[in-house]
N, C-alpha and C. Protein backbone atom coordinates (compact mmCIF):
# COMPACT_ATOMS: atom_id res chain seq x y z
N MET A 1 -11.71 18.94 -50.72
CA MET A 1 -10.64 19.89 -51.70
C MET A 1 -9.13 18.54 -50.93
N SER A 2 -8.44 18.57 -51.30
CA SER A 2 -6.68 17.80 -51.28
C SER A 2 -6.58 18.65 -50.52
N GLN A 3 -5.09 17.82 -49.31
CA GLN A 3 -4.39 18.03 -48.82
C GLN A 3 -3.57 19.53 -49.54
N PRO A 4 -3.01 18.86 -50.60
CA PRO A 4 -1.88 19.97 -51.02
C PRO A 4 -2.38 21.65 -51.44
N PRO A 5 -2.77 21.47 -52.05
CA PRO A 5 -4.78 22.93 -52.73
C PRO A 5 -4.93 23.51 -51.01
N LEU A 6 -5.91 22.78 -49.46
CA LEU A 6 -5.05 23.08 -48.51
C LEU A 6 -4.35 24.38 -47.98
N THR A 7 -3.77 23.24 -47.77
CA THR A 7 -2.81 24.01 -47.66
C THR A 7 -1.56 24.84 -47.11
N LYS A 8 -2.02 25.52 -49.19
CA LYS A 8 -1.52 26.42 -50.44
C LYS A 8 -1.86 26.98 -50.10
N ARG A 9 -3.65 26.88 -49.94
CA ARG A 9 -4.68 28.00 -49.54
C ARG A 9 -4.17 28.94 -48.33
N ILE A 10 -4.10 27.76 -47.24
CA ILE A 10 -3.79 28.56 -45.72
C ILE A 10 -2.77 29.19 -45.54
N GLN A 11 -1.82 28.84 -46.38
CA GLN A 11 -0.27 30.02 -46.83
C GLN A 11 -1.39 31.33 -47.56
N GLN A 12 -1.88 31.14 -48.34
CA GLN A 12 -1.93 32.57 -48.34
C GLN A 12 -2.85 33.15 -48.03
N ILE A 13 -4.04 32.33 -47.45
CA ILE A 13 -4.26 32.96 -46.67
C ILE A 13 -3.26 33.77 -45.26
N ASP A 14 -2.42 33.32 -44.21
CA ASP A 14 -1.08 33.67 -44.17
C ASP A 14 -0.67 35.06 -44.34
N LYS A 15 0.29 34.89 -45.23
CA LYS A 15 -0.05 35.72 -45.84
C LYS A 15 -0.56 36.75 -46.41
N GLU A 16 -1.48 37.17 -46.79
CA GLU A 16 -2.21 38.00 -46.77
C GLU A 16 -3.01 38.85 -45.92
N PHE A 17 -3.28 38.23 -44.31
CA PHE A 17 -3.76 38.49 -43.02
C PHE A 17 -1.93 39.15 -42.21
N GLU A 18 -0.85 38.45 -43.06
CA GLU A 18 0.54 38.70 -42.22
C GLU A 18 0.61 38.11 -40.66
N LEU A 19 -0.48 36.90 -40.39
CA LEU A 19 -0.29 35.98 -39.52
C LEU A 19 -1.04 34.96 -39.50
N ALA A 20 -1.11 33.23 -38.73
CA ALA A 20 -1.40 32.36 -38.73
C ALA A 20 -2.45 31.69 -38.52
N ILE A 21 -3.81 31.35 -38.91
CA ILE A 21 -4.47 30.84 -38.54
C ILE A 21 -4.72 29.82 -37.69
N ILE A 22 -3.84 28.50 -38.08
CA ILE A 22 -4.57 27.85 -37.52
C ILE A 22 -2.90 27.47 -36.97
N SER A 23 -2.60 26.42 -36.39
CA SER A 23 -1.66 26.16 -35.33
C SER A 23 -0.97 24.61 -35.22
N ARG A 24 -0.40 24.68 -35.86
CA ARG A 24 0.07 22.45 -35.47
C ARG A 24 0.97 22.08 -34.11
N GLY A 25 -0.32 21.25 -33.53
CA GLY A 25 0.90 20.99 -31.89
C GLY A 25 0.50 19.40 -31.94
N THR A 26 0.80 19.09 -30.84
CA THR A 26 0.80 17.15 -30.81
C THR A 26 -0.43 17.02 -30.97
N LYS A 27 -1.55 17.13 -31.25
CA LYS A 27 -3.03 16.47 -30.93
C LYS A 27 -3.44 17.08 -32.35
N GLY A 28 -3.28 17.92 -33.41
CA GLY A 28 -3.50 17.95 -34.19
C GLY A 28 -3.32 19.17 -34.56
N ILE A 29 -3.65 20.44 -35.86
CA ILE A 29 -3.97 21.20 -36.10
C ILE A 29 -5.09 22.34 -35.31
N GLN A 30 -5.38 22.82 -34.76
CA GLN A 30 -5.97 24.33 -34.41
C GLN A 30 -5.85 26.12 -34.95
N PHE A 31 -7.73 26.00 -35.47
CA PHE A 31 -7.68 27.63 -35.49
C PHE A 31 -6.67 28.49 -34.28
N THR A 32 -5.72 29.65 -35.24
CA THR A 32 -5.19 30.08 -33.84
C THR A 32 -6.87 31.54 -33.37
N PRO A 33 -6.98 32.03 -32.14
CA PRO A 33 -8.04 33.26 -32.44
C PRO A 33 -7.58 33.66 -33.47
N GLN A 34 -7.15 34.51 -34.24
CA GLN A 34 -7.28 35.25 -35.34
C GLN A 34 -7.96 34.44 -36.56
N GLY A 35 -7.56 32.89 -36.61
CA GLY A 35 -8.35 32.06 -37.48
C GLY A 35 -10.11 31.46 -37.16
N GLU A 36 -9.95 31.37 -35.67
CA GLU A 36 -11.78 31.34 -35.54
C GLU A 36 -12.45 32.60 -35.89
N TYR A 37 -12.31 33.71 -35.77
CA TYR A 37 -12.23 34.84 -36.21
C TYR A 37 -12.83 34.61 -37.75
N LEU A 38 -11.05 35.01 -38.68
CA LEU A 38 -11.90 34.28 -40.07
C LEU A 38 -12.82 33.73 -40.31
N ALA A 39 -12.48 32.90 -40.18
CA ALA A 39 -13.41 31.16 -40.13
C ALA A 39 -15.06 32.59 -39.51
N LYS A 40 -15.17 32.68 -38.70
CA LYS A 40 -16.92 33.81 -38.44
C LYS A 40 -16.91 33.78 -39.61
N CYS A 41 -16.65 34.78 -39.51
CA CYS A 41 -16.47 36.25 -40.39
C CYS A 41 -16.79 35.29 -42.16
N ALA A 42 -16.21 34.28 -42.44
CA ALA A 42 -16.81 34.04 -43.61
C ALA A 42 -18.16 33.16 -43.26
N ASP A 43 -18.05 32.79 -42.16
CA ASP A 43 -19.73 32.06 -42.31
C ASP A 43 -20.74 32.97 -42.16
N GLU A 44 -20.14 34.12 -42.21
CA GLU A 44 -21.58 35.27 -42.30
C GLU A 44 -21.51 35.73 -43.57
N MET A 45 -20.41 36.01 -44.46
CA MET A 45 -19.86 36.39 -45.85
C MET A 45 -21.23 35.76 -45.96
N LEU A 46 -20.94 34.73 -45.63
CA LEU A 46 -21.57 33.26 -47.02
C LEU A 46 -22.83 33.22 -46.72
N ILE A 47 -23.58 33.57 -45.14
CA ILE A 47 -24.92 33.90 -45.38
C ILE A 47 -25.39 34.20 -46.45
N CYS A 48 -24.35 35.58 -45.80
CA CYS A 48 -25.16 37.30 -46.39
C CYS A 48 -25.40 36.50 -48.50
N ILE A 49 -24.07 36.36 -48.63
CA ILE A 49 -24.15 35.65 -50.02
C ILE A 49 -25.62 35.59 -50.34
N ARG A 50 -25.55 34.31 -49.88
CA ARG A 50 -27.15 33.20 -49.91
C ARG A 50 -28.11 34.15 -49.67
N HIS A 51 -28.46 35.50 -49.38
CA HIS A 51 -29.38 35.86 -48.50
C HIS A 51 -29.32 37.04 -50.47
N ILE A 52 -28.35 37.79 -51.04
CA ILE A 52 -27.85 38.31 -51.60
C ILE A 52 -29.01 38.42 -53.15
N LYS A 53 -28.02 36.53 -53.27
CA LYS A 53 -28.89 35.85 -53.94
C LYS A 53 -30.43 35.08 -53.66
N GLU A 54 -30.84 35.39 -53.25
CA GLU A 54 -32.22 34.76 -53.13
C GLU A 54 -32.67 36.20 -53.40
N THR A 55 -32.54 37.15 -52.95
CA THR A 55 -33.18 38.45 -53.16
C THR A 55 -33.57 38.98 -54.48
N VAL A 56 -32.17 38.69 -55.43
CA VAL A 56 -32.36 39.21 -56.68
C VAL A 56 -32.53 38.39 -57.51
N GLN A 57 -32.76 36.97 -57.16
CA GLN A 57 -33.34 35.94 -57.67
C GLN A 57 -35.08 36.14 -57.72
N ASN A 58 -35.46 36.71 -56.67
CA ASN A 58 -37.07 36.93 -56.04
C ASN A 58 -37.72 38.26 -56.32
N MET A 59 -36.83 39.35 -56.91
CA MET A 59 -37.04 40.26 -57.03
C MET A 59 -38.21 40.47 -58.34
N ASN A 60 -37.48 40.02 -59.59
CA ASN A 60 -38.67 39.91 -59.83
C ASN A 60 -40.01 39.11 -60.54
N GLN A 61 -39.79 38.00 -60.07
CA GLN A 61 -40.53 37.22 -58.90
C GLN A 61 -41.63 37.66 -58.78
N GLU A 62 -42.77 36.96 -59.25
CA GLU A 62 -44.25 36.82 -58.05
C GLU A 62 -44.26 35.80 -56.78
N VAL A 63 -43.70 35.92 -55.84
CA VAL A 63 -44.53 34.98 -55.00
C VAL A 63 -45.98 34.28 -54.41
N SER A 64 -45.70 32.82 -55.14
CA SER A 64 -47.06 32.23 -55.00
C SER A 64 -47.62 30.78 -54.96
N GLY A 65 -48.27 30.66 -54.84
CA GLY A 65 -48.40 28.47 -54.55
C GLY A 65 -49.13 28.42 -52.76
N THR A 66 -49.33 27.72 -52.50
CA THR A 66 -49.67 26.81 -51.25
C THR A 66 -48.76 27.00 -50.07
N LEU A 67 -49.37 28.23 -49.07
CA LEU A 67 -48.48 27.49 -48.09
C LEU A 67 -49.25 26.39 -46.87
N ARG A 68 -48.81 25.55 -46.31
CA ARG A 68 -49.65 24.68 -45.55
C ARG A 68 -48.76 24.81 -44.10
N LEU A 69 -50.10 25.04 -42.99
CA LEU A 69 -49.62 25.10 -42.25
C LEU A 69 -49.51 24.14 -40.96
N GLY A 70 -49.22 23.69 -39.07
CA GLY A 70 -49.48 22.73 -38.99
C GLY A 70 -49.66 23.27 -37.62
N VAL A 71 -50.44 24.46 -37.02
CA VAL A 71 -50.64 24.98 -35.75
C VAL A 71 -51.70 24.38 -34.40
N SER A 72 -50.42 24.85 -33.91
CA SER A 72 -51.90 24.29 -32.27
C SER A 72 -52.67 25.09 -32.50
N ASN A 73 -54.13 24.92 -31.63
CA ASN A 73 -55.19 25.21 -31.12
C ASN A 73 -54.38 27.21 -30.50
N TYR A 74 -53.75 27.17 -29.12
CA TYR A 74 -53.65 28.40 -28.86
C TYR A 74 -53.30 29.34 -29.64
N THR A 75 -52.33 28.75 -30.34
CA THR A 75 -51.43 29.95 -31.52
C THR A 75 -52.48 29.95 -33.05
N THR A 76 -53.84 29.06 -33.16
CA THR A 76 -54.40 29.47 -34.40
C THR A 76 -55.78 30.97 -33.26
N ARG A 77 -55.74 30.43 -32.57
CA ARG A 77 -56.64 31.46 -31.45
C ARG A 77 -55.99 32.70 -31.51
N HIS A 78 -55.02 32.84 -30.90
CA HIS A 78 -54.06 33.99 -30.21
C HIS A 78 -52.78 34.58 -31.31
N LYS A 79 -52.99 33.97 -31.96
CA LYS A 79 -51.39 34.48 -33.01
C LYS A 79 -51.51 34.63 -34.11
N LEU A 80 -51.70 33.66 -34.78
CA LEU A 80 -52.51 33.41 -35.56
C LEU A 80 -52.76 34.50 -37.07
N PRO A 81 -54.23 34.86 -36.77
CA PRO A 81 -54.55 36.27 -37.17
C PRO A 81 -53.53 36.90 -37.84
N LYS A 82 -53.54 37.96 -37.03
CA LYS A 82 -52.13 39.07 -36.79
C LYS A 82 -51.54 38.61 -38.23
N LEU A 83 -51.08 37.24 -37.46
CA LEU A 83 -49.35 36.91 -38.87
C LEU A 83 -49.90 36.68 -39.60
N LEU A 84 -50.92 35.81 -40.02
CA LEU A 84 -51.89 35.66 -41.79
C LEU A 84 -52.21 36.95 -42.52
N LYS A 85 -52.70 38.10 -41.75
CA LYS A 85 -53.20 38.99 -42.52
C LYS A 85 -51.65 39.50 -42.57
N LEU A 86 -50.17 40.17 -41.67
CA LEU A 86 -48.81 40.77 -42.76
C LEU A 86 -48.85 39.93 -43.91
N PHE A 87 -48.87 39.14 -43.71
CA PHE A 87 -48.24 37.35 -44.85
C PHE A 87 -48.88 37.55 -45.86
N ARG A 88 -50.61 38.13 -45.78
CA ARG A 88 -51.42 38.18 -46.73
C ARG A 88 -51.65 39.65 -47.41
N GLU A 89 -51.08 40.78 -46.59
CA GLU A 89 -50.38 41.69 -47.00
C GLU A 89 -49.15 41.65 -48.08
N GLN A 90 -48.61 40.86 -47.40
CA GLN A 90 -46.65 41.20 -48.17
C GLN A 90 -46.91 40.07 -49.44
N PHE A 91 -47.67 38.25 -49.02
CA PHE A 91 -48.15 38.09 -50.05
C PHE A 91 -49.13 37.69 -50.39
N PRO A 92 -49.90 38.67 -51.72
CA PRO A 92 -50.89 38.46 -52.20
C PRO A 92 -51.53 37.02 -52.98
N GLY A 93 -50.42 36.31 -53.56
CA GLY A 93 -50.44 35.49 -54.60
C GLY A 93 -50.33 33.73 -53.24
N VAL A 94 -50.21 33.94 -52.35
CA VAL A 94 -50.16 33.06 -51.94
C VAL A 94 -51.33 32.30 -51.10
N ASN A 95 -51.76 31.03 -50.86
CA ASN A 95 -52.94 30.84 -50.17
C ASN A 95 -52.58 30.11 -48.92
N TYR A 96 -52.62 29.95 -48.47
CA TYR A 96 -52.49 29.15 -47.57
C TYR A 96 -54.20 27.84 -46.40
N LYS A 97 -53.10 26.75 -46.05
CA LYS A 97 -54.93 25.65 -45.55
C LYS A 97 -53.80 25.80 -43.97
N VAL A 98 -55.09 25.57 -43.28
CA VAL A 98 -54.01 25.63 -42.03
C VAL A 98 -54.43 23.98 -41.29
N THR A 99 -54.10 23.86 -40.63
CA THR A 99 -54.51 21.98 -39.75
C THR A 99 -54.37 22.42 -38.52
N THR A 100 -55.06 22.77 -37.64
CA THR A 100 -55.44 22.50 -36.54
C THR A 100 -55.51 21.83 -35.11
N GLY A 101 -54.83 21.46 -34.00
CA GLY A 101 -55.56 20.87 -33.12
C GLY A 101 -54.46 20.54 -31.75
N TRP A 102 -54.66 19.66 -31.48
CA TRP A 102 -53.22 19.85 -29.79
C TRP A 102 -52.31 19.39 -30.87
N SER A 103 -51.09 20.31 -29.44
CA SER A 103 -49.39 20.24 -29.82
C SER A 103 -49.05 19.04 -30.14
N ARG A 104 -49.56 17.96 -29.21
CA ARG A 104 -49.16 16.59 -29.91
C ARG A 104 -49.73 16.12 -31.57
N GLU A 105 -50.68 16.80 -31.24
CA GLU A 105 -51.50 15.69 -33.20
C GLU A 105 -50.48 16.81 -34.07
N VAL A 106 -50.30 18.18 -34.14
CA VAL A 106 -49.86 18.70 -34.83
C VAL A 106 -48.71 18.09 -35.45
N PHE A 107 -47.65 17.84 -34.34
CA PHE A 107 -46.54 17.08 -34.39
C PHE A 107 -46.97 15.86 -35.26
N ASN A 108 -47.46 14.88 -34.45
CA ASN A 108 -47.24 13.58 -35.11
C ASN A 108 -47.61 13.93 -36.90
N LEU A 109 -49.14 14.92 -37.10
CA LEU A 109 -48.94 15.10 -38.66
C LEU A 109 -47.89 15.21 -39.57
N VAL A 110 -46.84 15.88 -38.62
CA VAL A 110 -46.41 16.16 -39.50
C VAL A 110 -45.01 15.14 -39.52
């Protein structure tokens, strides 16, 4: 986005909320505390919108394919069976392939 549209948008936000969201100083511009809060909320909203889009797009589609896992020996023995059982119940159309080894070996495979 170029400077003039960005400046205009910031002015619109300032007007909408009746406050300044940035402050200009000798070191450039910075968000005000209110601007920081609004930016944080905007990030959260974008994440929420992405989640909503993904959910709606996947509602009528069955999840299928192959999930490939690289897992350490400890996790394979102690945690993975329960997790795979839950995963299989939720996504019966997904197959999985598990490669196990020492943590360093699995890391090198990735």
